[in-house]
Amino acid sequence: MDARGDAALRYATAGTWCRAGFFGYGSVASLSSAPVGVEITPLLRLLLERLAVPDLPAGSRAVTEAMVLDVLAPSPHELLLKMPTSDLLRPIADAVRDDPGDRRTLAHWASRLGVSARTITRAFNAETGTSFARWVAAVRAQHAVTLLTRGGDIDAVAEEVGYRSVSAFGAAFRRTTGLTPGAFRAR
């Protein structure tokens, strides 16, 4: 595994499953130049389980690997976050990561840091590739995944990650992860 893959594993959230599959170098185009999460569809799960069979004949292995590569796609609901590193955004990132329930708004942060909300918005887009609101929602979803994996009550998790209602939490969690909190826990 290269350094990028190692870094991705260090920052994977609780409830994340990892399975390594090794394919010939250069035998297929890469999904991405950086580590990406993929959704494990029922078909992909079956194919990966087949590849785990120790005595799978070489011909069957080659066909199964080709099928895996054919159905593999980056997840639109990836929870790996790009952390801002600038002096401007670091206080915001640290505060939200330390307390995902932090309800301070973009306007509040702009006032506190002595800049315009537009300046923070542009900086977030430039450094993370996403908006302040989406970044905060992703941090909250990451923390919620950890709490739900540990058996946390959905109402308590919603409150801890900064939502005033379970329905608002459920909608935001689904937008970010593709699953409702209940469906996530049932997996």
N, C-alpha and C. Protein backbone atom coordinates (compact mmCIF):
# COMPACT_ATOMS: atom_id res chain seq x y z
N MET A 1 0.85 -1.17 0.00
CA MET A 1 0.00 0.00 0.00
C MET A 1 0.90 1.23 0.00
N ASP A 2 0.55 2.23 -0.79
CA ASP A 2 1.38 3.43 -0.84
C ASP A 2 1.01 4.39 0.28
N ALA A 3 1.73 5.49 0.38
CA ALA A 3 1.51 6.45 1.46
C ALA A 3 0.11 7.05 1.40
N ARG A 4 -0.42 7.25 0.20
CA ARG A 4 -1.77 7.81 0.09
C ARG A 4 -2.78 6.84 0.67
N GLY A 5 -2.67 5.57 0.36
CA GLY A 5 -3.59 4.58 0.89
C GLY A 5 -3.48 4.46 2.39
N ASP A 6 -2.25 4.51 2.90
CA ASP A 6 -2.02 4.46 4.34
C ASP A 6 -2.71 5.64 5.02
N ALA A 7 -2.60 6.82 4.45
CA ALA A 7 -3.23 8.00 5.02
C ALA A 7 -4.75 7.86 5.00
N ALA A 8 -5.29 7.29 3.95
CA ALA A 8 -6.74 7.12 3.87
C ALA A 8 -7.23 6.20 4.98
N LEU A 9 -6.48 5.16 5.28
CA LEU A 9 -6.89 4.25 6.35
C LEU A 9 -6.83 4.92 7.71
N ARG A 10 -5.86 5.77 7.93
CA ARG A 10 -5.74 6.44 9.22
C ARG A 10 -6.94 7.33 9.48
N TYR A 11 -7.53 7.89 8.45
CA TYR A 11 -8.61 8.85 8.64
C TYR A 11 -9.98 8.29 8.33
N ALA A 12 -10.10 6.99 8.13
CA ALA A 12 -11.39 6.38 7.90
C ALA A 12 -12.21 6.46 9.18
N THR A 13 -13.49 6.68 9.03
CA THR A 13 -14.36 6.82 10.20
C THR A 13 -14.80 5.46 10.71
N ALA A 14 -15.25 5.44 11.95
CA ALA A 14 -15.77 4.21 12.54
C ALA A 14 -16.91 3.71 11.67
N GLY A 15 -17.03 2.42 11.56
CA GLY A 15 -18.07 1.83 10.73
C GLY A 15 -17.62 1.62 9.30
N THR A 16 -16.42 2.07 8.98
CA THR A 16 -15.87 1.89 7.65
C THR A 16 -15.30 0.49 7.53
N TRP A 17 -15.61 -0.16 6.44
CA TRP A 17 -15.06 -1.49 6.17
C TRP A 17 -13.95 -1.32 5.16
N CYS A 18 -12.90 -2.06 5.32
CA CYS A 18 -11.78 -2.00 4.39
C CYS A 18 -11.47 -3.40 3.90
N ARG A 19 -11.33 -3.51 2.61
CA ARG A 19 -10.93 -4.78 2.01
C ARG A 19 -9.89 -4.44 0.96
N ALA A 20 -8.79 -5.10 0.99
CA ALA A 20 -7.73 -4.84 0.02
C ALA A 20 -7.81 -5.86 -1.10
N GLY A 21 -7.73 -5.36 -2.30
CA GLY A 21 -7.68 -6.22 -3.48
C GLY A 21 -6.47 -5.80 -4.29
N PHE A 22 -5.70 -6.74 -4.74
CA PHE A 22 -4.47 -6.41 -5.46
C PHE A 22 -4.61 -6.84 -6.91
N PHE A 23 -4.38 -5.88 -7.79
CA PHE A 23 -4.49 -6.12 -9.22
C PHE A 23 -3.17 -5.73 -9.84
N GLY A 24 -2.89 -6.26 -11.01
CA GLY A 24 -1.63 -5.97 -11.68
C GLY A 24 -1.45 -4.48 -11.93
N TYR A 25 -0.26 -3.97 -11.57
CA TYR A 25 0.03 -2.55 -11.75
C TYR A 25 -0.05 -2.19 -13.23
N GLY A 26 -0.78 -1.13 -13.53
CA GLY A 26 -0.88 -0.66 -14.91
C GLY A 26 -1.84 -1.47 -15.75
N SER A 27 -2.50 -2.47 -15.17
CA SER A 27 -3.41 -3.29 -15.96
C SER A 27 -4.75 -2.60 -16.20
N VAL A 28 -5.02 -1.55 -15.43
CA VAL A 28 -6.29 -0.85 -15.56
C VAL A 28 -6.08 0.60 -15.17
N ALA A 29 -6.88 1.48 -15.74
CA ALA A 29 -6.79 2.89 -15.37
C ALA A 29 -7.25 3.08 -13.93
N SER A 30 -6.62 4.02 -13.24
CA SER A 30 -6.96 4.30 -11.85
C SER A 30 -8.29 5.03 -11.75
N LEU A 31 -9.02 4.79 -10.67
CA LEU A 31 -10.25 5.53 -10.41
C LEU A 31 -9.97 6.99 -10.13
N SER A 32 -8.86 7.23 -9.45
CA SER A 32 -8.53 8.58 -9.01
C SER A 32 -7.04 8.64 -8.69
N SER A 33 -6.50 9.85 -8.72
CA SER A 33 -5.10 10.00 -8.36
C SER A 33 -4.90 10.01 -6.84
N ALA A 34 -5.99 10.12 -6.10
CA ALA A 34 -5.95 10.11 -4.63
C ALA A 34 -6.87 8.99 -4.14
N PRO A 35 -6.70 8.55 -2.90
CA PRO A 35 -7.59 7.51 -2.37
C PRO A 35 -9.05 7.98 -2.41
N VAL A 36 -9.94 7.08 -2.77
CA VAL A 36 -11.37 7.38 -2.79
C VAL A 36 -12.13 6.23 -2.16
N GLY A 37 -13.26 6.57 -1.59
CA GLY A 37 -14.16 5.54 -1.07
C GLY A 37 -15.03 5.03 -2.20
N VAL A 38 -15.44 3.79 -2.10
CA VAL A 38 -16.37 3.21 -3.06
C VAL A 38 -17.54 2.60 -2.29
N GLU A 39 -18.70 2.62 -2.91
CA GLU A 39 -19.84 1.97 -2.28
C GLU A 39 -19.80 0.50 -2.62
N ILE A 40 -20.03 -0.31 -1.62
CA ILE A 40 -20.02 -1.75 -1.83
C ILE A 40 -21.45 -2.17 -2.15
N THR A 41 -21.73 -2.31 -3.43
CA THR A 41 -23.03 -2.78 -3.87
C THR A 41 -23.13 -4.27 -3.60
N PRO A 42 -24.32 -4.83 -3.62
CA PRO A 42 -24.43 -6.28 -3.42
C PRO A 42 -23.59 -7.07 -4.44
N LEU A 43 -23.57 -6.64 -5.70
CA LEU A 43 -22.77 -7.33 -6.71
C LEU A 43 -21.28 -7.24 -6.38
N LEU A 44 -20.82 -6.03 -6.03
CA LEU A 44 -19.41 -5.87 -5.71
C LEU A 44 -19.02 -6.71 -4.49
N ARG A 45 -19.88 -6.77 -3.49
CA ARG A 45 -19.61 -7.58 -2.30
C ARG A 45 -19.44 -9.05 -2.68
N LEU A 46 -20.31 -9.57 -3.53
CA LEU A 46 -20.21 -10.97 -3.96
C LEU A 46 -18.92 -11.22 -4.75
N LEU A 47 -18.57 -10.29 -5.62
CA LEU A 47 -17.35 -10.45 -6.39
C LEU A 47 -16.11 -10.45 -5.49
N LEU A 48 -16.09 -9.54 -4.51
CA LEU A 48 -14.95 -9.48 -3.59
C LEU A 48 -14.87 -10.74 -2.73
N GLU A 49 -16.02 -11.25 -2.32
CA GLU A 49 -16.02 -12.50 -1.56
C GLU A 49 -15.48 -13.65 -2.41
N ARG A 50 -15.84 -13.65 -3.69
CA ARG A 50 -15.33 -14.69 -4.59
C ARG A 50 -13.81 -14.60 -4.71
N LEU A 51 -13.27 -13.38 -4.79
CA LEU A 51 -11.82 -13.22 -4.89
C LEU A 51 -11.11 -13.68 -3.63
N ALA A 52 -11.81 -13.75 -2.52
CA ALA A 52 -11.19 -14.18 -1.26
C ALA A 52 -11.07 -15.71 -1.17
N VAL A 53 -11.67 -16.42 -2.11
CA VAL A 53 -11.57 -17.88 -2.12
C VAL A 53 -10.13 -18.25 -2.46
N PRO A 54 -9.46 -18.99 -1.57
CA PRO A 54 -8.03 -19.25 -1.77
C PRO A 54 -7.69 -20.12 -2.99
N ASP A 55 -8.56 -21.06 -3.33
CA ASP A 55 -8.23 -21.96 -4.43
C ASP A 55 -8.99 -21.63 -5.72
N LEU A 56 -9.34 -20.37 -5.90
CA LEU A 56 -10.04 -19.94 -7.11
C LEU A 56 -9.11 -20.12 -8.31
N PRO A 57 -9.55 -20.85 -9.33
CA PRO A 57 -8.69 -21.05 -10.50
C PRO A 57 -8.30 -19.72 -11.15
N ALA A 58 -7.14 -19.70 -11.76
CA ALA A 58 -6.59 -18.47 -12.35
C ALA A 58 -7.54 -17.84 -13.36
N GLY A 59 -8.15 -18.65 -14.18
CA GLY A 59 -9.08 -18.12 -15.18
C GLY A 59 -10.29 -17.46 -14.54
N SER A 60 -10.84 -18.10 -13.53
CA SER A 60 -11.98 -17.53 -12.80
C SER A 60 -11.57 -16.25 -12.07
N ARG A 61 -10.37 -16.27 -11.51
CA ARG A 61 -9.88 -15.07 -10.81
C ARG A 61 -9.78 -13.91 -11.79
N ALA A 62 -9.25 -14.13 -12.97
CA ALA A 62 -9.09 -13.07 -13.96
C ALA A 62 -10.44 -12.50 -14.38
N VAL A 63 -11.42 -13.37 -14.59
CA VAL A 63 -12.76 -12.91 -14.98
C VAL A 63 -13.40 -12.11 -13.84
N THR A 64 -13.26 -12.61 -12.62
CA THR A 64 -13.85 -11.93 -11.46
C THR A 64 -13.19 -10.58 -11.24
N GLU A 65 -11.86 -10.51 -11.36
CA GLU A 65 -11.16 -9.22 -11.23
C GLU A 65 -11.65 -8.24 -12.28
N ALA A 66 -11.83 -8.70 -13.50
CA ALA A 66 -12.33 -7.81 -14.57
C ALA A 66 -13.72 -7.29 -14.23
N MET A 67 -14.56 -8.15 -13.66
CA MET A 67 -15.90 -7.72 -13.27
C MET A 67 -15.85 -6.71 -12.13
N VAL A 68 -14.96 -6.93 -11.15
CA VAL A 68 -14.80 -5.97 -10.05
C VAL A 68 -14.44 -4.61 -10.62
N LEU A 69 -13.44 -4.59 -11.47
CA LEU A 69 -12.98 -3.33 -12.04
C LEU A 69 -14.06 -2.66 -12.89
N ASP A 70 -14.92 -3.46 -13.49
CA ASP A 70 -16.00 -2.91 -14.31
C ASP A 70 -17.07 -2.23 -13.46
N VAL A 71 -17.37 -2.77 -12.27
CA VAL A 71 -18.44 -2.20 -11.45
C VAL A 71 -17.93 -1.21 -10.39
N LEU A 72 -16.63 -1.12 -10.22
CA LEU A 72 -16.05 -0.23 -9.22
C LEU A 72 -16.20 1.23 -9.63
N ALA A 73 -16.69 2.05 -8.73
CA ALA A 73 -16.85 3.48 -9.00
C ALA A 73 -16.71 4.27 -7.70
N PRO A 74 -16.15 5.48 -7.77
CA PRO A 74 -16.06 6.30 -6.56
C PRO A 74 -17.45 6.57 -5.98
N SER A 75 -17.53 6.58 -4.68
CA SER A 75 -18.80 6.84 -4.01
C SER A 75 -19.11 8.33 -4.04
N PRO A 76 -20.37 8.68 -4.34
CA PRO A 76 -20.75 10.09 -4.25
C PRO A 76 -20.95 10.53 -2.80
N HIS A 77 -20.86 9.58 -1.86
CA HIS A 77 -21.11 9.86 -0.45
C HIS A 77 -19.88 9.63 0.40
N GLU A 78 -18.74 9.95 -0.11
CA GLU A 78 -17.49 9.70 0.61
C GLU A 78 -17.38 10.62 1.82
N LEU A 79 -16.90 10.09 2.93
CA LEU A 79 -16.77 10.88 4.15
C LEU A 79 -15.33 11.25 4.48
N LEU A 80 -14.42 11.03 3.56
CA LEU A 80 -13.05 11.50 3.79
C LEU A 80 -13.04 13.00 3.55
N LEU A 81 -12.58 13.74 4.52
CA LEU A 81 -12.61 15.20 4.44
C LEU A 81 -11.25 15.77 4.12
N LYS A 82 -11.26 16.78 3.32
CA LYS A 82 -10.04 17.53 3.08
C LYS A 82 -9.99 18.61 4.17
N MET A 83 -8.95 18.57 4.98
CA MET A 83 -8.83 19.52 6.08
C MET A 83 -8.18 20.81 5.60
N PRO A 84 -8.80 21.95 5.90
CA PRO A 84 -8.16 23.22 5.56
C PRO A 84 -6.91 23.42 6.41
N THR A 85 -5.91 24.05 5.83
CA THR A 85 -4.65 24.23 6.54
C THR A 85 -4.23 25.68 6.72
N SER A 86 -4.94 26.60 6.09
CA SER A 86 -4.54 28.00 6.18
C SER A 86 -4.78 28.53 7.59
N ASP A 87 -4.05 29.58 7.92
CA ASP A 87 -4.23 30.23 9.22
C ASP A 87 -5.64 30.77 9.38
N LEU A 88 -6.26 31.17 8.28
CA LEU A 88 -7.62 31.69 8.33
C LEU A 88 -8.63 30.61 8.72
N LEU A 89 -8.55 29.44 8.08
CA LEU A 89 -9.57 28.41 8.28
C LEU A 89 -9.26 27.42 9.39
N ARG A 90 -8.02 27.35 9.80
CA ARG A 90 -7.65 26.36 10.82
C ARG A 90 -8.44 26.51 12.12
N PRO A 91 -8.69 27.73 12.63
CA PRO A 91 -9.49 27.83 13.86
C PRO A 91 -10.91 27.28 13.70
N ILE A 92 -11.48 27.50 12.53
CA ILE A 92 -12.82 26.98 12.26
C ILE A 92 -12.78 25.46 12.21
N ALA A 93 -11.85 24.93 11.44
CA ALA A 93 -11.74 23.47 11.30
C ALA A 93 -11.49 22.80 12.64
N ASP A 94 -10.59 23.36 13.42
CA ASP A 94 -10.29 22.77 14.73
C ASP A 94 -11.51 22.79 15.64
N ALA A 95 -12.23 23.91 15.66
CA ALA A 95 -13.40 24.03 16.52
C ALA A 95 -14.49 23.04 16.13
N VAL A 96 -14.75 22.92 14.84
CA VAL A 96 -15.81 22.01 14.38
C VAL A 96 -15.40 20.55 14.57
N ARG A 97 -14.15 20.23 14.31
CA ARG A 97 -13.69 18.85 14.52
C ARG A 97 -13.73 18.48 16.01
N ASP A 98 -13.36 19.44 16.89
CA ASP A 98 -13.39 19.18 18.33
C ASP A 98 -14.81 19.07 18.87
N ASP A 99 -15.74 19.82 18.27
CA ASP A 99 -17.13 19.81 18.71
C ASP A 99 -18.04 19.90 17.49
N PRO A 100 -18.40 18.75 16.89
CA PRO A 100 -19.26 18.78 15.70
C PRO A 100 -20.63 19.39 15.96
N GLY A 101 -21.00 19.53 17.21
CA GLY A 101 -22.27 20.17 17.56
C GLY A 101 -22.19 21.69 17.58
N ASP A 102 -21.01 22.23 17.33
CA ASP A 102 -20.79 23.68 17.31
C ASP A 102 -21.73 24.30 16.28
N ARG A 103 -22.58 25.22 16.72
CA ARG A 103 -23.60 25.80 15.83
C ARG A 103 -23.22 27.18 15.31
N ARG A 104 -21.96 27.57 15.47
CA ARG A 104 -21.57 28.89 14.97
C ARG A 104 -21.70 28.92 13.45
N THR A 105 -22.22 30.02 12.98
CA THR A 105 -22.49 30.19 11.56
C THR A 105 -21.30 30.80 10.84
N LEU A 106 -21.40 30.81 9.53
CA LEU A 106 -20.39 31.45 8.70
C LEU A 106 -20.26 32.92 9.07
N ALA A 107 -21.38 33.58 9.29
CA ALA A 107 -21.36 35.01 9.67
C ALA A 107 -20.66 35.20 11.01
N HIS A 108 -20.91 34.32 11.95
CA HIS A 108 -20.25 34.42 13.26
C HIS A 108 -18.74 34.29 13.10
N TRP A 109 -18.30 33.27 12.34
CA TRP A 109 -16.87 33.07 12.15
C TRP A 109 -16.23 34.25 11.44
N ALA A 110 -16.92 34.80 10.47
CA ALA A 110 -16.38 35.95 9.74
C ALA A 110 -16.17 37.12 10.69
N SER A 111 -17.16 37.37 11.53
CA SER A 111 -17.05 38.45 12.51
C SER A 111 -15.91 38.19 13.49
N ARG A 112 -15.84 36.99 13.99
CA ARG A 112 -14.80 36.64 14.96
C ARG A 112 -13.40 36.75 14.38
N LEU A 113 -13.25 36.38 13.10
CA LEU A 113 -11.93 36.40 12.47
C LEU A 113 -11.61 37.73 11.76
N GLY A 114 -12.61 38.64 11.76
CA GLY A 114 -12.37 39.96 11.17
C GLY A 114 -12.27 39.97 9.65
N VAL A 115 -12.99 39.07 9.01
CA VAL A 115 -13.02 39.02 7.55
C VAL A 115 -14.48 38.92 7.09
N SER A 116 -14.69 39.01 5.80
CA SER A 116 -16.05 38.88 5.29
C SER A 116 -16.42 37.40 5.16
N ALA A 117 -17.72 37.14 5.17
CA ALA A 117 -18.20 35.78 4.97
C ALA A 117 -17.77 35.29 3.59
N ARG A 118 -17.74 36.19 2.63
CA ARG A 118 -17.31 35.83 1.27
C ARG A 118 -15.85 35.35 1.25
N THR A 119 -15.01 35.98 2.05
CA THR A 119 -13.60 35.56 2.13
C THR A 119 -13.50 34.13 2.65
N ILE A 120 -14.26 33.81 3.69
CA ILE A 120 -14.24 32.46 4.24
C ILE A 120 -14.81 31.47 3.22
N THR A 121 -15.88 31.86 2.55
CA THR A 121 -16.50 31.01 1.54
C THR A 121 -15.51 30.67 0.43
N ARG A 122 -14.82 31.68 -0.08
CA ARG A 122 -13.84 31.45 -1.15
C ARG A 122 -12.70 30.56 -0.65
N ALA A 123 -12.23 30.81 0.57
CA ALA A 123 -11.13 30.03 1.13
C ALA A 123 -11.54 28.56 1.31
N PHE A 124 -12.75 28.32 1.80
CA PHE A 124 -13.22 26.94 1.97
C PHE A 124 -13.29 26.23 0.64
N ASN A 125 -13.84 26.89 -0.36
CA ASN A 125 -13.93 26.27 -1.68
C ASN A 125 -12.55 25.97 -2.25
N ALA A 126 -11.63 26.90 -2.07
CA ALA A 126 -10.28 26.73 -2.62
C ALA A 126 -9.51 25.61 -1.90
N GLU A 127 -9.64 25.54 -0.58
CA GLU A 127 -8.85 24.56 0.18
C GLU A 127 -9.47 23.17 0.29
N THR A 128 -10.78 23.11 0.30
CA THR A 128 -11.43 21.81 0.52
C THR A 128 -12.23 21.32 -0.67
N GLY A 129 -12.50 22.19 -1.62
CA GLY A 129 -13.31 21.80 -2.77
C GLY A 129 -14.79 21.76 -2.48
N THR A 130 -15.18 22.28 -1.32
CA THR A 130 -16.59 22.29 -0.96
C THR A 130 -16.91 23.55 -0.16
N SER A 131 -18.18 23.76 0.08
CA SER A 131 -18.61 24.95 0.83
C SER A 131 -18.44 24.72 2.33
N PHE A 132 -18.48 25.81 3.07
CA PHE A 132 -18.43 25.75 4.54
C PHE A 132 -19.54 24.84 5.06
N ALA A 133 -20.78 25.06 4.59
CA ALA A 133 -21.93 24.29 5.08
C ALA A 133 -21.77 22.80 4.78
N ARG A 134 -21.34 22.45 3.59
CA ARG A 134 -21.17 21.03 3.26
C ARG A 134 -20.02 20.41 4.04
N TRP A 135 -18.97 21.18 4.27
CA TRP A 135 -17.84 20.67 5.03
C TRP A 135 -18.28 20.37 6.47
N VAL A 136 -19.01 21.31 7.07
CA VAL A 136 -19.52 21.11 8.43
C VAL A 136 -20.45 19.90 8.47
N ALA A 137 -21.34 19.77 7.48
CA ALA A 137 -22.26 18.63 7.43
C ALA A 137 -21.48 17.31 7.34
N ALA A 138 -20.39 17.31 6.59
CA ALA A 138 -19.58 16.09 6.46
C ALA A 138 -18.87 15.76 7.78
N VAL A 139 -18.36 16.78 8.47
CA VAL A 139 -17.73 16.54 9.78
C VAL A 139 -18.77 15.97 10.74
N ARG A 140 -19.96 16.55 10.73
CA ARG A 140 -21.03 16.06 11.60
C ARG A 140 -21.41 14.63 11.25
N ALA A 141 -21.49 14.33 9.96
CA ALA A 141 -21.84 12.97 9.53
C ALA A 141 -20.76 11.98 9.96
N GLN A 142 -19.49 12.37 9.83
CA GLN A 142 -18.39 11.50 10.28
C GLN A 142 -18.54 11.17 11.75
N HIS A 143 -18.78 12.20 12.55
CA HIS A 143 -18.92 11.99 13.99
C HIS A 143 -20.17 11.14 14.28
N ALA A 144 -21.25 11.41 13.56
CA ALA A 144 -22.48 10.64 13.75
C ALA A 144 -22.26 9.17 13.41
N VAL A 145 -21.51 8.89 12.37
CA VAL A 145 -21.20 7.50 12.00
C VAL A 145 -20.50 6.81 13.17
N THR A 146 -19.55 7.49 13.77
CA THR A 146 -18.84 6.91 14.92
C THR A 146 -19.81 6.62 16.06
N LEU A 147 -20.67 7.58 16.38
CA LEU A 147 -21.62 7.40 17.49
C LEU A 147 -22.65 6.31 17.19
N LEU A 148 -23.15 6.29 15.96
CA LEU A 148 -24.14 5.27 15.59
C LEU A 148 -23.51 3.88 15.60
N THR A 149 -22.27 3.78 15.16
CA THR A 149 -21.57 2.50 15.16
C THR A 149 -21.41 1.97 16.58
N ARG A 150 -21.24 2.88 17.51
CA ARG A 150 -21.10 2.49 18.93
C ARG A 150 -22.45 2.25 19.60
N GLY A 151 -23.55 2.33 18.82
CA GLY A 151 -24.87 2.05 19.36
C GLY A 151 -25.61 3.25 19.90
N GLY A 152 -25.15 4.44 19.60
CA GLY A 152 -25.79 5.65 20.09
C GLY A 152 -27.23 5.78 19.62
N ASP A 153 -28.08 6.30 20.51
CA ASP A 153 -29.48 6.56 20.20
C ASP A 153 -29.55 7.68 19.15
N ILE A 154 -30.37 7.53 18.14
CA ILE A 154 -30.44 8.49 17.04
C ILE A 154 -30.79 9.89 17.55
N ASP A 155 -31.72 10.01 18.49
CA ASP A 155 -32.07 11.32 19.05
C ASP A 155 -30.87 11.98 19.71
N ALA A 156 -30.14 11.21 20.50
CA ALA A 156 -28.96 11.74 21.20
C ALA A 156 -27.85 12.10 20.22
N VAL A 157 -27.67 11.28 19.21
CA VAL A 157 -26.65 11.56 18.20
C VAL A 157 -26.99 12.85 17.46
N ALA A 158 -28.25 13.02 17.08
CA ALA A 158 -28.68 14.24 16.38
C ALA A 158 -28.34 15.48 17.20
N GLU A 159 -28.62 15.43 18.48
CA GLU A 159 -28.33 16.57 19.35
C GLU A 159 -26.82 16.79 19.48
N GLU A 160 -26.08 15.72 19.67
CA GLU A 160 -24.64 15.85 19.87
C GLU A 160 -23.92 16.43 18.66
N VAL A 161 -24.43 16.14 17.47
CA VAL A 161 -23.77 16.65 16.28
C VAL A 161 -24.38 17.96 15.77
N GLY A 162 -25.22 18.59 16.59
CA GLY A 162 -25.63 19.96 16.32
C GLY A 162 -26.94 20.18 15.61
N TYR A 163 -27.80 19.18 15.54
CA TYR A 163 -29.09 19.37 14.88
C TYR A 163 -30.17 19.58 15.92
N ARG A 164 -31.08 20.49 15.62
CA ARG A 164 -32.16 20.81 16.56
C ARG A 164 -33.29 19.79 16.53
N SER A 165 -33.34 18.99 15.46
CA SER A 165 -34.38 17.96 15.38
C SER A 165 -33.82 16.71 14.73
N VAL A 166 -34.46 15.59 15.04
CA VAL A 166 -34.05 14.32 14.46
C VAL A 166 -34.31 14.33 12.96
N SER A 167 -35.39 14.96 12.53
CA SER A 167 -35.69 14.98 11.10
C SER A 167 -34.65 15.79 10.32
N ALA A 168 -34.20 16.91 10.88
CA ALA A 168 -33.14 17.69 10.21
C ALA A 168 -31.85 16.88 10.16
N PHE A 169 -31.54 16.19 11.24
CA PHE A 169 -30.36 15.34 11.27
C PHE A 169 -30.48 14.23 10.22
N GLY A 170 -31.63 13.57 10.18
CA GLY A 170 -31.84 12.48 9.23
C GLY A 170 -31.67 12.94 7.79
N ALA A 171 -32.22 14.10 7.47
CA ALA A 171 -32.11 14.62 6.10
C ALA A 171 -30.66 14.96 5.76
N ALA A 172 -29.95 15.60 6.68
CA ALA A 172 -28.55 15.96 6.44
C ALA A 172 -27.67 14.71 6.35
N PHE A 173 -27.92 13.75 7.22
CA PHE A 173 -27.13 12.51 7.21
C PHE A 173 -27.34 11.78 5.89
N ARG A 174 -28.57 11.74 5.43
CA ARG A 174 -28.86 11.05 4.17
C ARG A 174 -28.23 11.76 2.98
N ARG A 175 -28.28 13.10 2.97
CA ARG A 175 -27.63 13.86 1.89
C ARG A 175 -26.14 13.56 1.84
N THR A 176 -25.53 13.41 3.00
CA THR A 176 -24.08 13.23 3.07
C THR A 176 -23.67 11.78 2.84
N THR A 177 -24.41 10.83 3.40
CA THR A 177 -23.98 9.42 3.35
C THR A 177 -24.78 8.57 2.37
N GLY A 178 -25.95 9.04 1.97
CA GLY A 178 -26.80 8.24 1.09
C GLY A 178 -27.72 7.30 1.85
N LEU A 179 -27.62 7.29 3.18
CA LEU A 179 -28.45 6.43 4.02
C LEU A 179 -29.08 7.23 5.14
N THR A 180 -30.22 6.79 5.62
CA THR A 180 -30.78 7.39 6.83
C THR A 180 -29.97 6.86 8.01
N PRO A 181 -30.01 7.55 9.15
CA PRO A 181 -29.29 7.02 10.32
C PRO A 181 -29.76 5.60 10.70
N GLY A 182 -31.05 5.35 10.63
CA GLY A 182 -31.57 4.02 10.94
C GLY A 182 -31.08 2.96 9.98
N ALA A 183 -31.06 3.28 8.69
CA ALA A 183 -30.58 2.32 7.69
C ALA A 183 -29.07 2.09 7.87
N PHE A 184 -28.35 3.12 8.24
CA PHE A 184 -26.92 2.96 8.49
C PHE A 184 -26.68 1.99 9.63
N ARG A 185 -27.43 2.16 10.72
CA ARG A 185 -27.25 1.27 11.89
C ARG A 185 -27.63 -0.16 11.58
N ALA A 186 -28.58 -0.35 10.67
CA ALA A 186 -29.06 -1.70 10.36
C ALA A 186 -28.07 -2.48 9.48
N ARG A 187 -27.08 -1.81 8.89
CA ARG A 187 -26.14 -2.50 8.00
C ARG A 187 -25.25 -3.45 8.73
